[in-house]
C-alpha cells in the first residue's frame, strides 16, 4: 500500500479527549507517540498472529521515546478473551516490575484491544494505554470509545470497564495482511453505521463494496474515517451508554446470542453482527418501522460483504427459546426485558423491546437447522 495522507478524527470527551489517527505507514512515522506521558516502561500486548508481523516495527518506534519496551503475545481468538488470558498481562507487568507510569499499547484486533484496555483500567487502578488496531473491525469500532472487557461463559463482554485510550493509531497497511474472512467481518461494523446514522454512507457502501473487498486504499481510508466520525459523534454525547450510544449495538443483541450459543470463535463477531442486523431489520419490519424494500437492500449489502444472513440453529428442540434465553443475558436487557436496536426509518435507530412472539417469528424465519 502506497503512502497516503493521514487523517485525524477527534473524540471530544473533555479532559479524556483523544485523537484517532488514520493513514498508511503510520507505524513507521516519526513523532507518532509524541505528546504521550513519560513512562518508565512500555508493554506492547499483541497476539501470536499479529506480533510476528508488526511488533518489531512498533517496538522500534516506541524505543525512540521509551527506554524499556517489551512485547507480550497472547493466544489468538475470541475463545481466549477470558480471565486466564487477562492474567498473562498482569503476570508480565508484575514480573517486569512495572509501575503506574507504565504505558500499555494494544497491537491487534478487538480481543487484544478489549483485554489490554481492561488490564490498563485495572492494573494499579489505572495506567495509560494506546490502541493500535490491526483489523478493520477494531479500527472502525472496538478501539474507539473506551469499552474494555472480557467474556464470561454465560455472556459476551460481561466483565469490563469504560476506560478511554490516550490515542488510537489506525495504520491501514496492517489491513493488507488481514484474512479475507476477517475483512468481511470488519465490514459488518462498517455497514451498521449506514442504517443507524447516515443513509448517504450506505449509498456509498453500495457503490464501493467491490473496492473495499479489493482493499483499495482510498476506499478503505474513507470507510474507516467515516465510521470513526460517526462513532466519535455518538460517544461524545453518551460515553457510558445511558441512551444514544446503544444504537451502535445494531445487530448485536441477536449477534451476541449467536456467539455465546455457538461457542466463542465459531462465528467471528462481525459475522454474527452481520446476521444479527438482518434479524433486527426483519424485526423492525414486523413492527412496522421500515418497509420490506429497506430490509432487502440491507440484506443484499451484507451478502455482498461476504457475510452470513441466515442464523445458526442453537437448539434443535426450541431454537427461538434458546436465542431468547441468551438475549435476556445481554447487557442491554432491562429487568429481564430484551432491548433491541431497531431501524425506525432509514438512518434512524431506536432502542425498544418487542413481544417474544414476534421475536420468535423472526428467529424461525431467519434461521435454518444445522
Protein backbone atom coordinates (compact mmCIF):
# COMPACT_ATOMS: atom_id res chain seq x y z
CA UNK A 1 0.00 0.00 0.00
CA UNK A 2 1.47 3.32 -1.02
CA UNK A 3 1.93 6.23 1.33
CA UNK A 4 -1.20 8.38 1.51
CA UNK A 5 -2.07 11.38 3.57
CA UNK A 6 -3.27 10.65 7.06
CA UNK A 7 -6.44 11.92 8.68
CA UNK A 8 -7.24 12.70 12.28
CA UNK A 9 -10.66 12.24 13.87
CA UNK A 10 -11.01 13.78 17.32
CA UNK A 11 -13.24 12.31 20.00
CA UNK A 12 -14.47 15.03 22.35
CA UNK A 13 -14.67 13.84 25.96
CA UNK A 14 -13.44 16.95 27.82
CA UNK A 15 -10.24 16.04 29.71
CA UNK A 16 -10.39 12.49 28.28
CA UNK A 17 -10.47 13.66 24.65
CA UNK A 18 -8.11 11.97 22.20
CA UNK A 19 -7.28 11.66 18.51
CA UNK A 20 -7.78 8.76 16.12
CA UNK A 21 -5.01 8.80 13.50
CA UNK A 22 -5.89 7.08 10.21
CA UNK A 23 -3.42 6.52 7.36
CA UNK A 24 -0.90 4.26 5.65
CA UNK A 25 2.57 3.68 7.05
CA UNK A 26 1.81 5.29 10.41
CA UNK A 27 3.82 2.74 12.41
CA UNK A 28 6.96 3.95 10.63
CA UNK A 29 6.17 7.64 11.10
CA UNK A 30 8.43 9.76 13.29
CA UNK A 31 6.68 11.50 16.16
CA UNK A 32 3.76 9.08 16.23
CA UNK A 33 3.96 8.81 20.01
CA UNK A 34 4.88 12.42 20.77
CA UNK A 35 2.73 14.04 23.42
CA UNK A 36 2.13 10.87 25.42
CA UNK A 37 3.04 10.85 29.13
CA UNK A 38 6.53 9.93 30.30
CA UNK A 39 6.83 6.29 31.28
CA UNK A 40 9.44 4.01 32.79
CA UNK A 41 8.26 1.03 30.75
CA UNK A 42 6.04 0.20 27.80
CA UNK A 43 4.31 -3.16 27.35
CA UNK A 44 3.06 -3.97 23.86
CA UNK A 45 0.24 -6.50 24.17
CA UNK A 46 -0.39 -8.41 20.93
CA UNK A 47 -1.21 -11.97 19.93
CA UNK A 48 0.70 -14.83 18.32
CA UNK A 49 -0.70 -13.99 14.87
CA UNK A 50 -0.10 -10.23 14.79
CA UNK A 51 3.10 -9.94 16.85
CA UNK A 52 5.37 -11.59 14.22
CA UNK A 53 4.05 -9.14 11.61
CA UNK A 54 4.14 -5.77 13.35
CA UNK A 55 5.54 -5.93 16.90
CA UNK A 56 9.16 -5.29 15.85
CA UNK A 57 8.17 -2.19 13.85
CA UNK A 58 6.07 -0.84 16.71
CA UNK A 59 8.77 -1.66 19.26
CA UNK A 60 11.36 0.24 17.20
CA UNK A 61 9.09 3.28 17.04
CA UNK A 62 8.50 3.21 20.80
CA UNK A 63 12.18 2.69 21.63
CA UNK A 64 12.93 6.11 20.14
CA UNK A 65 10.96 7.58 23.04
CA UNK A 66 11.00 5.00 25.85
CA UNK A 67 13.94 3.11 27.37
CA UNK A 68 12.18 -0.16 28.29
CA UNK A 69 9.84 -1.65 25.71
CA UNK A 70 8.79 -5.29 25.72
CA UNK A 71 6.13 -7.36 23.95
CA UNK A 72 3.66 -9.99 25.15
CA UNK A 73 1.97 -12.24 22.56
CA UNK A 74 -1.32 -13.68 23.80
CA UNK A 75 -3.11 -16.69 22.27
CA UNK A 76 -5.27 -15.58 19.34
CA UNK A 77 -9.05 -15.60 19.18
CA UNK A 78 -12.32 -14.82 20.92
CA UNK A 79 -12.14 -18.13 22.81
CA UNK A 80 -9.20 -16.71 24.80
CA UNK A 81 -10.92 -13.47 25.86
CA UNK A 82 -11.12 -14.60 29.48
CA UNK A 83 -9.63 -14.29 32.98
CA UNK A 84 -6.82 -16.74 32.27
CA UNK A 85 -5.51 -14.74 29.31
CA UNK A 86 -6.06 -11.41 31.06
CA UNK A 87 -3.88 -12.66 33.92
CA UNK A 88 -1.00 -13.19 31.49
CA UNK A 89 -0.92 -9.40 31.08
CA UNK A 90 -0.90 -8.80 34.84
CA UNK A 91 1.74 -11.53 35.32
CA UNK A 92 4.02 -9.83 32.79
CA UNK A 93 3.53 -6.36 34.29
CA UNK A 94 4.40 -7.63 37.76
CA UNK A 95 7.33 -9.78 36.61
CA UNK A 96 8.81 -6.77 34.81
CA UNK A 97 8.45 -4.55 37.87
CA UNK A 98 6.05 -2.18 36.13
CA UNK A 99 4.52 0.77 37.97
CA UNK A 100 1.62 3.16 37.49
CA UNK A 101 3.66 5.16 34.98
CA UNK A 102 3.78 2.14 32.66
CA UNK A 103 2.20 2.59 29.22
CA UNK A 104 0.26 -0.30 27.68
CA UNK A 105 -0.06 -0.46 23.89
CA UNK A 106 -2.65 -2.79 22.33
CA UNK A 107 -1.45 -4.16 18.97
CA UNK A 108 -4.08 -6.38 17.39
CA UNK A 109 -7.81 -6.78 16.84
CA UNK A 110 -10.78 -6.27 19.10
CA UNK A 111 -9.93 -9.08 21.52
CA UNK A 112 -6.42 -7.70 22.16
CA UNK A 113 -7.73 -4.15 22.42
CA UNK A 114 -10.54 -5.01 24.82
CA UNK A 115 -8.29 -7.06 27.10
CA UNK A 116 -5.41 -4.57 27.08
CA UNK A 117 -7.80 -1.74 27.87
CA UNK A 118 -9.31 -3.69 30.76
CA UNK A 119 -5.84 -4.53 32.06
CA UNK A 120 -4.91 -0.83 31.83
CA UNK A 121 -8.07 0.16 33.70
CA UNK A 122 -7.32 -2.36 36.45
CA UNK A 123 -3.55 -2.51 36.93
CA UNK A 124 -2.64 -0.32 39.91
CA UNK A 125 -6.16 1.10 39.50
CA UNK A 126 -5.37 2.61 36.13
CA UNK A 127 -2.39 3.09 33.82
CA UNK A 128 -2.38 4.87 30.42
CA UNK A 129 -2.86 2.92 27.21
CA UNK A 130 -2.84 3.38 23.43
CA UNK A 131 -4.80 1.43 20.83
CA UNK A 132 -3.05 0.26 17.63
CA UNK A 133 -5.85 -1.74 15.97
CA UNK A 134 -4.79 -4.06 13.13
CA UNK A 135 -8.18 -5.39 11.94
CA UNK A 136 -10.88 -3.50 10.09
CA UNK A 137 -13.39 -4.32 12.83
CA UNK A 138 -11.19 -2.90 15.59
CA UNK A 139 -10.28 0.20 13.55
CA UNK A 140 -13.89 1.17 12.88
CA UNK A 141 -15.44 0.06 16.16
CA UNK A 142 -13.87 -1.63 19.17
CA UNK A 143 -10.72 0.53 19.51
CA UNK A 144 -12.79 3.72 19.70
CA UNK A 145 -14.91 4.73 22.66
CA UNK A 146 -13.32 3.13 25.70
CA UNK A 147 -15.30 -0.09 26.09
CA UNK A 148 -12.98 -2.73 27.52
CA UNK A 149 -13.54 -6.18 28.97
CA UNK A 150 -13.57 -9.95 28.75
CA UNK A 151 -16.21 -12.58 28.09
CA UNK A 152 -17.92 -14.82 30.60
CA UNK A 153 -19.13 -18.28 29.54
CA UNK A 154 -22.70 -17.01 30.02
CA UNK A 155 -22.36 -13.79 28.06
CA UNK A 156 -20.11 -11.67 25.86
CA UNK A 157 -18.22 -8.71 27.37
CA UNK A 158 -19.98 -9.17 30.68
CA UNK A 159 -16.94 -8.14 32.76
CA UNK A 160 -15.22 -4.88 31.94
CA UNK A 161 -14.89 -1.14 32.36
CA UNK A 162 -15.26 2.12 30.46
CA UNK A 163 -11.66 3.31 30.08
CA UNK A 164 -10.52 5.62 27.30
CA UNK A 165 -7.20 5.27 25.45
CA UNK A 166 -4.85 8.24 25.06
CA UNK A 167 -4.63 7.75 21.30
CA UNK A 168 -5.82 5.40 18.55
CA UNK A 169 -3.47 4.68 15.64
CA UNK A 170 -5.12 3.04 12.61
CA UNK A 171 -2.34 2.07 10.19
CA UNK A 172 -4.20 0.94 7.09
CA UNK A 173 -1.17 -1.07 5.94
CA UNK A 174 -1.96 -3.63 8.64
CA UNK A 175 -5.19 -4.48 6.81
CA UNK A 176 -3.17 -5.85 3.88
CA UNK A 177 -2.30 -8.99 5.87
CA UNK A 178 -5.85 -9.50 7.14
CA UNK A 179 -7.51 -12.77 6.04
CA UNK A 180 -10.50 -12.25 3.74
CA UNK A 181 -12.87 -13.66 6.36
CA UNK A 182 -11.64 -11.08 8.91
CA UNK A 183 -12.02 -8.28 6.36
CA UNK A 184 -15.64 -9.28 5.74
CA UNK A 185 -16.25 -9.45 9.48
CA UNK A 186 -14.98 -5.89 9.82
CA UNK A 187 -17.29 -4.71 7.05
CA UNK A 188 -20.27 -5.66 9.24
CA UNK A 189 -19.32 -2.93 11.72
CA UNK A 190 -18.81 -0.50 8.81
CA UNK A 191 -22.20 -1.32 7.28
CA UNK A 192 -24.08 -0.77 10.57
CA UNK A 193 -23.31 2.96 10.54
CA UNK A 194 -25.45 3.49 7.43
CA UNK A 195 -28.84 2.24 8.70
CA UNK A 196 -28.43 3.84 12.14
CA UNK A 197 -26.97 7.24 11.24
CA UNK A 198 -26.04 8.06 7.63
CA UNK A 199 -28.02 6.93 4.61
CA UNK A 200 -25.53 8.64 2.26
CA UNK A 201 -22.80 6.43 3.70
CA UNK A 202 -24.98 3.39 3.00
CA UNK A 203 -25.35 4.61 -0.60
CA UNK A 204 -21.56 4.98 -0.82
CA UNK A 205 -21.01 1.47 0.56
CA UNK A 206 -23.33 0.02 -2.08
CA UNK A 207 -21.33 1.82 -4.79
CA UNK A 208 -17.91 0.94 -3.38
CA UNK A 209 -18.23 -2.53 -1.82
CA UNK A 210 -16.11 -4.12 -4.56
CA UNK A 211 -13.33 -1.57 -3.93
CA UNK A 212 -13.44 -2.30 -0.20
CA UNK A 213 -13.21 -6.06 -0.77
CA UNK A 214 -10.24 -5.40 -3.10
CA UNK A 215 -8.63 -3.32 -0.28
CA UNK A 216 -8.44 -0.18 -2.39
CA UNK A 217 -6.58 2.21 -0.08
CA UNK A 218 -8.69 5.29 -0.76
CA UNK A 219 -11.95 3.39 -0.30
CA UNK A 220 -10.74 1.74 2.91
CA UNK A 221 -9.48 5.08 4.26
CA UNK A 222 -12.86 6.69 3.63
CA UNK A 223 -14.77 3.80 5.23
CA UNK A 224 -12.57 3.85 8.35
CA UNK A 225 -12.68 7.65 8.64
CA UNK A 226 -16.46 7.95 8.23
CA UNK A 227 -17.09 5.07 10.65
CA UNK A 228 -14.84 6.69 13.26
CA UNK A 229 -16.51 10.09 12.74
CA UNK A 230 -19.96 8.63 13.40
CA UNK A 231 -18.79 6.64 16.41
CA UNK A 232 -16.90 9.64 17.83
CA UNK A 233 -20.02 11.81 17.46
CA UNK A 234 -22.17 9.25 19.28
CA UNK A 235 -19.67 8.51 22.06
CA UNK A 236 -19.05 12.22 22.72
CA UNK A 237 -22.75 12.58 23.55
CA UNK A 238 -23.14 9.38 25.56
CA UNK A 239 -19.82 7.96 26.76
CA UNK A 240 -21.28 5.38 29.15
CA UNK A 241 -24.22 4.19 27.05
CA UNK A 242 -27.01 5.80 29.03
CA UNK A 243 -29.07 6.29 25.89
CA UNK A 244 -27.91 7.25 22.39
CA UNK A 245 -24.75 5.11 22.36
CA UNK A 246 -26.87 1.96 22.48
CA UNK A 247 -27.70 2.49 18.76
CA UNK A 248 -24.14 1.34 17.99
CA UNK A 249 -25.29 -2.13 19.05
CA UNK A 250 -27.48 -2.57 15.95
CA UNK A 251 -27.44 -6.31 15.20
CA UNK A 252 -25.54 -7.08 18.40
CA UNK A 253 -28.40 -8.44 20.54
CA UNK A 254 -29.02 -11.28 18.08
CA UNK A 255 -25.31 -11.41 17.23
CA UNK A 256 -24.10 -11.87 20.81
CA UNK A 257 -26.62 -14.71 21.24
CA UNK A 258 -25.14 -16.43 18.18
CA UNK A 259 -21.59 -16.03 19.52
CA UNK A 260 -22.43 -17.33 23.00
CA UNK A 261 -24.70 -20.08 21.70
CA UNK A 262 -22.22 -21.39 19.14
CA UNK A 263 -19.19 -21.05 21.43
CA UNK A 264 -16.90 -18.03 21.18
CA UNK A 265 -14.88 -18.08 17.99
CA UNK A 266 -17.08 -20.46 15.99
CA UNK A 267 -18.53 -17.41 14.25
CA UNK A 268 -16.45 -14.23 14.11
CA UNK A 269 -18.00 -11.26 15.90
CA UNK A 270 -18.62 -9.44 12.61
CA UNK A 271 -20.26 -12.50 11.06
CA UNK A 272 -22.66 -12.73 14.00
CA UNK A 273 -23.36 -8.98 13.81
CA UNK A 274 -23.98 -9.13 10.06
CA UNK A 275 -26.56 -11.89 10.53
CA UNK A 276 -27.91 -10.07 13.61
CA UNK A 277 -28.51 -6.92 11.55
CA UNK A 278 -30.64 -8.91 9.12
CA UNK A 279 -32.67 -10.33 12.01
CA UNK A 280 -33.05 -6.87 13.60
CA UNK A 281 -34.14 -5.42 10.25
CA UNK A 282 -36.78 -8.15 9.88
CA UNK A 283 -37.99 -7.40 13.40
CA UNK A 284 -38.14 -3.69 12.54
CA UNK A 285 -40.30 -4.51 9.52
CA UNK A 286 -42.68 -6.72 11.54
CA UNK A 287 -43.10 -3.82 13.97
CA UNK A 288 -43.99 -1.52 11.07
CA UNK A 289 -40.87 0.66 11.37
CA UNK A 290 -39.35 0.02 7.92
CA UNK A 291 -40.58 -1.47 4.68
CA UNK A 292 -39.57 -4.73 3.05
CA UNK A 293 -37.53 -2.91 0.39
CA UNK A 294 -35.18 -1.48 3.00
CA UNK A 295 -34.74 -4.89 4.63
CA UNK A 296 -33.93 -6.44 1.24
CA UNK A 297 -31.50 -3.61 0.45
CA UNK A 298 -29.61 -4.04 3.73
CA UNK A 299 -29.55 -7.83 3.38
CA UNK A 300 -28.14 -7.56 -0.16
CA UNK A 301 -25.34 -5.28 1.07
CA UNK A 302 -24.45 -7.71 3.86
CA UNK A 303 -24.37 -10.60 1.37
CA UNK A 304 -22.06 -8.60 -0.92
CA UNK A 305 -19.69 -8.08 2.00
CA UNK A 306 -19.35 -11.87 2.22
CA UNK A 307 -21.28 -12.22 5.48
CA UNK A 308 -23.88 -14.81 6.54
CA UNK A 309 -27.52 -13.72 6.58
CA UNK A 310 -29.07 -16.97 7.82
CA UNK A 311 -28.77 -17.63 11.54
CA UNK A 312 -27.49 -20.90 13.01
CA UNK A 313 -29.67 -23.32 14.92
CA UNK A 314 -28.67 -23.16 18.59
CA UNK A 315 -31.18 -25.73 19.87
CA UNK A 316 -32.87 -28.44 17.82
CA UNK A 317 -35.91 -28.57 20.14
CA UNK A 318 -36.58 -24.88 20.75
CA UNK A 319 -34.21 -22.73 18.75
CA UNK A 320 -36.09 -19.46 19.30
CA UNK A 321 -36.35 -20.23 23.00
CA UNK A 322 -32.57 -20.66 23.23
CA UNK A 323 -31.99 -17.34 21.43
CA UNK A 324 -34.40 -15.60 23.83
CA UNK A 325 -32.68 -17.18 26.84
CA UNK A 326 -29.27 -15.93 25.69
CA UNK A 327 -30.58 -12.48 24.74
CA UNK A 328 -32.03 -12.00 28.22
CA UNK A 329 -28.44 -12.23 29.49
CA UNK A 330 -27.38 -9.41 27.15
CA UNK A 331 -26.19 -6.22 28.86
CA UNK A 332 -28.94 -4.26 27.10
CA UNK A 333 -31.73 -6.31 28.67
CA UNK A 334 -33.60 -4.39 31.34
CA UNK A 335 -35.24 -6.28 34.23
CA UNK A 336 -35.46 -9.35 32.02
CA UNK A 337 -36.89 -7.39 29.08
CA UNK A 338 -34.77 -7.70 25.94
CA UNK A 339 -33.98 -4.37 24.27
CA UNK A 340 -33.33 -4.35 20.53
CA UNK A 341 -31.75 -1.68 18.34
CA UNK A 342 -34.29 -1.31 15.53
CA UNK A 343 -34.38 0.80 12.39
CA UNK A 344 -37.14 3.40 12.65
CA UNK A 345 -36.90 4.54 9.05
CA UNK A 346 -33.63 4.75 7.09
CA UNK A 347 -30.65 6.17 9.07
CA UNK A 348 -32.65 6.44 12.28
CA UNK A 349 -32.33 3.92 15.09
CA UNK A 350 -34.46 3.32 18.16
CA UNK A 351 -33.90 1.06 21.18
CA UNK A 352 -37.01 -0.76 22.35
CA UNK A 353 -38.48 -4.07 23.45
CA UNK A 354 -40.54 -6.36 21.23
CA UNK A 355 -43.09 -9.07 22.04
CA UNK A 356 -41.48 -12.50 22.45
CA UNK A 357 -43.95 -13.99 19.97
CA UNK A 358 -42.78 -11.56 17.27
CA UNK A 359 -39.11 -12.21 18.06
CA UNK A 360 -39.77 -15.95 17.81
CA UNK A 361 -41.31 -15.44 14.34
CA UNK A 362 -38.19 -13.56 13.20
CA UNK A 363 -35.83 -16.21 14.56
CA UNK A 364 -37.82 -19.01 12.95
CA UNK A 365 -37.85 -17.14 9.63
CA UNK A 366 -34.13 -16.22 9.72
CA UNK A 367 -32.57 -19.47 10.95
CA UNK A 368 -32.16 -22.89 9.45
CA UNK A 369 -31.43 -26.25 11.04
CA UNK A 370 -27.76 -27.17 11.33
